[in-house]
Amino acid sequence: PIFDVKIIVLEALKPLTTRSFTNSGLTINTNRLMFLWGYVDRCPSLLYDVYDLFISTTTYR
């Protein structure tokens, strides 16, 4: 259940990822970001790592 919730949250954050990182002062290549999401889609286990990374970045903001 928790894993499903994380997937839903990440899916909801996909359109906002580039804008959020840009507002926080970080510039990320859009192509690289799309490659990351494609890689995550192929390897669902990485969703935990991406989720934790996103939470850590928003926490220190």
PDB file of N, CA and C in Angstrom:
ATOM      1  N   PRO A   1       0.834  -1.215   0.000  1.00  0.00           N
ATOM      2  CA  PRO A   1       0.000   0.000   0.000  1.00  0.00           C
ATOM      3  C   PRO A   1       0.868   1.264   0.000  1.00  0.00           C
ATOM      4  N   ILE A   2       1.879   1.303   0.854  1.00  0.00           N
ATOM      5  CA  ILE A   2       2.756   2.466   0.925  1.00  0.00           C
ATOM      6  C   ILE A   2       3.469   2.661  -0.400  1.00  0.00           C
ATOM      7  N   PHE A   3       3.881   1.545  -1.023  1.00  0.00           N
ATOM      8  CA  PHE A   3       4.581   1.619  -2.305  1.00  0.00           C
ATOM      9  C   PHE A   3       3.667   2.212  -3.364  1.00  0.00           C
ATOM     10  N   ASP A   4       2.390   1.816  -3.352  1.00  0.00           N
ATOM     11  CA  ASP A   4       1.429   2.360  -4.313  1.00  0.00           C
ATOM     12  C   ASP A   4       1.251   3.860  -4.105  1.00  0.00           C
ATOM     13  N   VAL A   5       1.196   4.289  -2.871  1.00  0.00           N
ATOM     14  CA  VAL A   5       1.036   5.712  -2.573  1.00  0.00           C
ATOM     15  C   VAL A   5       2.229   6.496  -3.102  1.00  0.00           C
ATOM     16  N   LYS A   6       3.437   5.942  -2.908  1.00  0.00           N
ATOM     17  CA  LYS A   6       4.637   6.623  -3.396  1.00  0.00           C
ATOM     18  C   LYS A   6       4.603   6.747  -4.908  1.00  0.00           C
ATOM     19  N   ILE A   7       4.133   5.704  -5.592  1.00  0.00           N
ATOM     20  CA  ILE A   7       4.037   5.750  -7.052  1.00  0.00           C
ATOM     21  C   ILE A   7       3.072   6.852  -7.475  1.00  0.00           C
ATOM     22  N   ILE A   8       1.919   6.931  -6.797  1.00  0.00           N
ATOM     23  CA  ILE A   8       0.925   7.954  -7.134  1.00  0.00           C
ATOM     24  C   ILE A   8       1.510   9.346  -6.917  1.00  0.00           C
ATOM     25  N   VAL A   9       2.227   9.529  -5.823  1.00  0.00           N
ATOM     26  CA  VAL A   9       2.823  10.829  -5.519  1.00  0.00           C
ATOM     27  C   VAL A   9       3.850  11.201  -6.578  1.00  0.00           C
ATOM     28  N   LEU A  10       4.704  10.230  -6.950  1.00  0.00           N
ATOM     29  CA  LEU A  10       5.726  10.507  -7.956  1.00  0.00           C
ATOM     30  C   LEU A  10       5.096  10.815  -9.301  1.00  0.00           C
ATOM     31  N   GLU A  11       4.037  10.095  -9.647  1.00  0.00           N
ATOM     32  CA  GLU A  11       3.351  10.365 -10.909  1.00  0.00           C
ATOM     33  C   GLU A  11       2.771  11.776 -10.902  1.00  0.00           C
ATOM     34  N   ALA A  12       2.263  12.209  -9.748  1.00  0.00           N
ATOM     35  CA  ALA A  12       1.684  13.543  -9.648  1.00  0.00           C
ATOM     36  C   ALA A  12       2.768  14.618  -9.704  1.00  0.00           C
ATOM     37  N   LEU A  13       3.975  14.281  -9.236  1.00  0.00           N
ATOM     38  CA  LEU A  13       5.058  15.259  -9.202  1.00  0.00           C
ATOM     39  C   LEU A  13       5.789  15.368 -10.529  1.00  0.00           C
ATOM     40  N   LYS A  14       5.576  14.417 -11.436  1.00  0.00           N
ATOM     41  CA  LYS A  14       6.315  14.429 -12.703  1.00  0.00           C
ATOM     42  C   LYS A  14       6.208  15.756 -13.447  1.00  0.00           C
ATOM     43  N   PRO A  15       5.003  16.315 -13.652  1.00  0.00           N
ATOM     44  CA  PRO A  15       4.920  17.574 -14.405  1.00  0.00           C
ATOM     45  C   PRO A  15       5.522  18.756 -13.649  1.00  0.00           C
ATOM     46  N   LEU A  16       5.689  18.632 -12.340  1.00  0.00           N
ATOM     47  CA  LEU A  16       6.163  19.756 -11.535  1.00  0.00           C
ATOM     48  C   LEU A  16       7.650  19.673 -11.241  1.00  0.00           C
ATOM     49  N   THR A  17       8.289  18.579 -11.641  1.00  0.00           N
ATOM     50  CA  THR A  17       9.675  18.359 -11.243  1.00  0.00           C
ATOM     51  C   THR A  17      10.596  19.431 -11.792  1.00  0.00           C
ATOM     52  N   THR A  18      10.512  19.697 -13.098  1.00  0.00           N
ATOM     53  CA  THR A  18      11.408  20.678 -13.709  1.00  0.00           C
ATOM     54  C   THR A  18      11.175  22.060 -13.110  1.00  0.00           C
ATOM     55  N   ARG A  19       9.925  22.427 -12.905  1.00  0.00           N
ATOM     56  CA  ARG A  19       9.613  23.747 -12.365  1.00  0.00           C
ATOM     57  C   ARG A  19      10.120  23.863 -10.926  1.00  0.00           C
ATOM     58  N   SER A  20       9.955  22.812 -10.134  1.00  0.00           N
ATOM     59  CA  SER A  20      10.383  22.848  -8.745  1.00  0.00           C
ATOM     60  C   SER A  20      11.893  23.011  -8.648  1.00  0.00           C
ATOM     61  N   PHE A  21      12.632  22.212  -9.441  1.00  0.00           N
ATOM     62  CA  PHE A  21      14.086  22.295  -9.393  1.00  0.00           C
ATOM     63  C   PHE A  21      14.571  23.657  -9.884  1.00  0.00           C
ATOM     64  N   THR A  22      13.874  24.225 -10.868  1.00  0.00           N
ATOM     65  CA  THR A  22      14.269  25.529 -11.387  1.00  0.00           C
ATOM     66  C   THR A  22      14.044  26.608 -10.334  1.00  0.00           C
ATOM     67  N   ASN A  23      12.931  26.535  -9.626  1.00  0.00           N
ATOM     68  CA  ASN A  23      12.634  27.524  -8.597  1.00  0.00           C
ATOM     69  C   ASN A  23      13.622  27.426  -7.439  1.00  0.00           C
ATOM     70  N   SER A  24      14.140  26.229  -7.190  1.00  0.00           N
ATOM     71  CA  SER A  24      15.071  26.045  -6.083  1.00  0.00           C
ATOM     72  C   SER A  24      16.487  26.449  -6.470  1.00  0.00           C
ATOM     73  N   GLY A  25      16.659  26.934  -7.699  1.00  0.00           N
ATOM     74  CA  GLY A  25      17.956  27.425  -8.116  1.00  0.00           C
ATOM     75  C   GLY A  25      18.813  26.379  -8.803  1.00  0.00           C
ATOM     76  N   LEU A  26      18.270  25.191  -9.039  1.00  0.00           N
ATOM     77  CA  LEU A  26      19.028  24.137  -9.707  1.00  0.00           C
ATOM     78  C   LEU A  26      18.573  24.021 -11.149  1.00  0.00           C
ATOM     79  N   THR A  27      19.522  23.822 -12.048  1.00  0.00           N
ATOM     80  CA  THR A  27      19.179  23.642 -13.456  1.00  0.00           C
ATOM     81  C   THR A  27      19.464  22.208 -13.852  1.00  0.00           C
ATOM     82  N   ILE A  28      18.449  21.502 -14.290  1.00  0.00           N
ATOM     83  CA  ILE A  28      18.590  20.106 -14.689  1.00  0.00           C
ATOM     84  C   ILE A  28      18.163  19.960 -16.142  1.00  0.00           C
ATOM     85  N   ASN A  29      18.964  19.261 -16.912  1.00  0.00           N
ATOM     86  CA  ASN A  29      18.648  19.039 -18.315  1.00  0.00           C
ATOM     87  C   ASN A  29      17.345  18.265 -18.415  1.00  0.00           C
ATOM     88  N   THR A  30      16.404  18.775 -19.220  1.00  0.00           N
ATOM     89  CA  THR A  30      15.101  18.128 -19.344  1.00  0.00           C
ATOM     90  C   THR A  30      15.234  16.727 -19.912  1.00  0.00           C
ATOM     91  N   ASN A  31      16.125  16.562 -20.892  1.00  0.00           N
ATOM     92  CA  ASN A  31      16.313  15.241 -21.482  1.00  0.00           C
ATOM     93  C   ASN A  31      16.846  14.261 -20.447  1.00  0.00           C
ATOM     94  N   ARG A  32      17.764  14.718 -19.629  1.00  0.00           N
ATOM     95  CA  ARG A  32      18.312  13.853 -18.585  1.00  0.00           C
ATOM     96  C   ARG A  32      17.239  13.497 -17.574  1.00  0.00           C
ATOM     97  N   LEU A  33      16.360  14.469 -17.279  1.00  0.00           N
ATOM     98  CA  LEU A  33      15.281  14.222 -16.329  1.00  0.00           C
ATOM     99  C   LEU A  33      14.301  13.198 -16.883  1.00  0.00           C
ATOM    100  N   MET A  34      13.951  13.334 -18.167  1.00  0.00           N
ATOM    101  CA  MET A  34      13.047  12.373 -18.795  1.00  0.00           C
ATOM    102  C   MET A  34      13.685  10.993 -18.838  1.00  0.00           C
ATOM    103  N   PHE A  35      15.006  10.937 -19.060  1.00  0.00           N
ATOM    104  CA  PHE A  35      15.707   9.660 -19.040  1.00  0.00           C
ATOM    105  C   PHE A  35      15.622   9.037 -17.652  1.00  0.00           C
ATOM    106  N   LEU A  36      15.714   9.881 -16.625  1.00  0.00           N
ATOM    107  CA  LEU A  36      15.612   9.383 -15.255  1.00  0.00           C
ATOM    108  C   LEU A  36      14.246   8.756 -15.006  1.00  0.00           C
ATOM    109  N   TRP A  37      13.182   9.451 -15.443  1.00  0.00           N
ATOM    110  CA  TRP A  37      11.839   8.911 -15.241  1.00  0.00           C
ATOM    111  C   TRP A  37      11.655   7.619 -16.019  1.00  0.00           C
ATOM    112  N   GLY A  38      12.204   7.547 -17.252  1.00  0.00           N
ATOM    113  CA  GLY A  38      12.116   6.320 -18.028  1.00  0.00           C
ATOM    114  C   GLY A  38      12.848   5.190 -17.339  1.00  0.00           C
ATOM    115  N   TYR A  39      13.985   5.512 -16.738  1.00  0.00           N
ATOM    116  CA  TYR A  39      14.768   4.502 -16.021  1.00  0.00           C
ATOM    117  C   TYR A  39      14.011   4.021 -14.794  1.00  0.00           C
ATOM    118  N   VAL A  40      13.352   4.958 -14.111  1.00  0.00           N
ATOM    119  CA  VAL A  40      12.564   4.597 -12.925  1.00  0.00           C
ATOM    120  C   VAL A  40      11.389   3.706 -13.324  1.00  0.00           C
ATOM    121  N   ASP A  41      10.764   4.018 -14.473  1.00  0.00           N
ATOM    122  CA  ASP A  41       9.635   3.217 -14.928  1.00  0.00           C
ATOM    123  C   ASP A  41      10.067   1.787 -15.217  1.00  0.00           C
ATOM    124  N   ARG A  42      11.309   1.604 -15.711  1.00  0.00           N
ATOM    125  CA  ARG A  42      11.803   0.261 -15.998  1.00  0.00           C
ATOM    126  C   ARG A  42      12.268  -0.447 -14.732  1.00  0.00           C
ATOM    127  N   CYS A  43      12.684   0.324 -13.730  1.00  0.00           N
ATOM    128  CA  CYS A  43      13.178  -0.265 -12.483  1.00  0.00           C
ATOM    129  C   CYS A  43      12.379   0.304 -11.312  1.00  0.00           C
ATOM    130  N   PRO A  44      11.228  -0.286 -11.017  1.00  0.00           N
ATOM    131  CA  PRO A  44      10.347   0.259  -9.962  1.00  0.00           C
ATOM    132  C   PRO A  44      11.035   0.369  -8.608  1.00  0.00           C
ATOM    133  N   SER A  45      12.053  -0.450  -8.358  1.00  0.00           N
ATOM    134  CA  SER A  45      12.717  -0.400  -7.057  1.00  0.00           C
ATOM    135  C   SER A  45      13.401   0.944  -6.827  1.00  0.00           C
ATOM    136  N   LEU A  46      13.748   1.633  -7.922  1.00  0.00           N
ATOM    137  CA  LEU A  46      14.414   2.930  -7.795  1.00  0.00           C
ATOM    138  C   LEU A  46      13.458   4.019  -7.333  1.00  0.00           C
ATOM    139  N   LEU A  47      12.145   3.714  -7.337  1.00  0.00           N
ATOM    140  CA  LEU A  47      11.174   4.712  -6.887  1.00  0.00           C
ATOM    141  C   LEU A  47      11.445   5.115  -5.442  1.00  0.00           C
ATOM    142  N   TYR A  48      11.884   4.146  -4.625  1.00  0.00           N
ATOM    143  CA  TYR A  48      12.193   4.466  -3.238  1.00  0.00           C
ATOM    144  C   TYR A  48      13.354   5.456  -3.153  1.00  0.00           C
ATOM    145  N   ASP A  49      14.406   5.216  -3.959  1.00  0.00           N
ATOM    146  CA  ASP A  49      15.565   6.104  -3.933  1.00  0.00           C
ATOM    147  C   ASP A  49      15.190   7.500  -4.412  1.00  0.00           C
ATOM    148  N   VAL A  50      14.430   7.570  -5.510  1.00  0.00           N
ATOM    149  CA  VAL A  50      14.019   8.866  -6.044  1.00  0.00           C
ATOM    150  C   VAL A  50      13.117   9.583  -5.046  1.00  0.00           C
ATOM    151  N   TYR A  51      12.213   8.819  -4.408  1.00  0.00           N
ATOM    152  CA  TYR A  51      11.308   9.413  -3.428  1.00  0.00           C
ATOM    153  C   TYR A  51      12.094   9.997  -2.255  1.00  0.00           C
ATOM    154  N   ASP A  52      13.048   9.204  -1.735  1.00  0.00           N
ATOM    155  CA  ASP A  52      13.855   9.682  -0.614  1.00  0.00           C
ATOM    156  C   ASP A  52      14.683  10.895  -1.015  1.00  0.00           C
ATOM    157  N   LEU A  53      15.220  10.878  -2.242  1.00  0.00           N
ATOM    158  CA  LEU A  53      16.017  12.007  -2.717  1.00  0.00           C
ATOM    159  C   LEU A  53      15.168  13.264  -2.809  1.00  0.00           C
ATOM    160  N   PHE A  54      13.954  13.121  -3.347  1.00  0.00           N
ATOM    161  CA  PHE A  54      13.067  14.272  -3.480  1.00  0.00           C
ATOM    162  C   PHE A  54      12.686  14.820  -2.103  1.00  0.00           C
ATOM    163  N   ILE A  55      12.388  13.918  -1.154  1.00  0.00           N
ATOM    164  CA  ILE A  55      12.017  14.344   0.194  1.00  0.00           C
ATOM    165  C   ILE A  55      13.184  15.064   0.858  1.00  0.00           C
ATOM    166  N   SER A  56      14.399  14.537   0.673  1.00  0.00           N
ATOM    167  CA  SER A  56      15.563  15.161   1.296  1.00  0.00           C
ATOM    168  C   SER A  56      15.807  16.553   0.721  1.00  0.00           C
ATOM    169  N   THR A  57      15.628  16.716  -0.595  1.00  0.00           N
ATOM    170  CA  THR A  57      15.855  18.024  -1.209  1.00  0.00           C
ATOM    171  C   THR A  57      14.809  19.026  -0.748  1.00  0.00           C
ATOM    172  N   THR A  58      13.560  18.587  -0.605  1.00  0.00           N
ATOM    173  CA  THR A  58      12.511  19.507  -0.169  1.00  0.00           C
ATOM    174  C   THR A  58      12.675  19.833   1.310  1.00  0.00           C
ATOM    175  N   THR A  59      13.249  18.902   2.089  1.00  0.00           N
ATOM    176  CA  THR A  59      13.421  19.133   3.518  1.00  0.00           C
ATOM    177  C   THR A  59      14.462  20.208   3.777  1.00  0.00           C
ATOM    178  N   TYR A  60      15.561  20.169   3.032  1.00  0.00           N
ATOM    179  CA  TYR A  60      16.636  21.135   3.247  1.00  0.00           C
ATOM    180  C   TYR A  60      16.390  22.458   2.532  1.00  0.00           C
ATOM    181  N   ARG A  61      15.256  22.577   1.887  1.00  0.00           N
ATOM    182  CA  ARG A  61      14.988  23.803   1.129  1.00  0.00           C
ATOM    183  C   ARG A  61      14.768  24.991   2.065  1.00  0.00           C
TER     184      ARG A  61
END
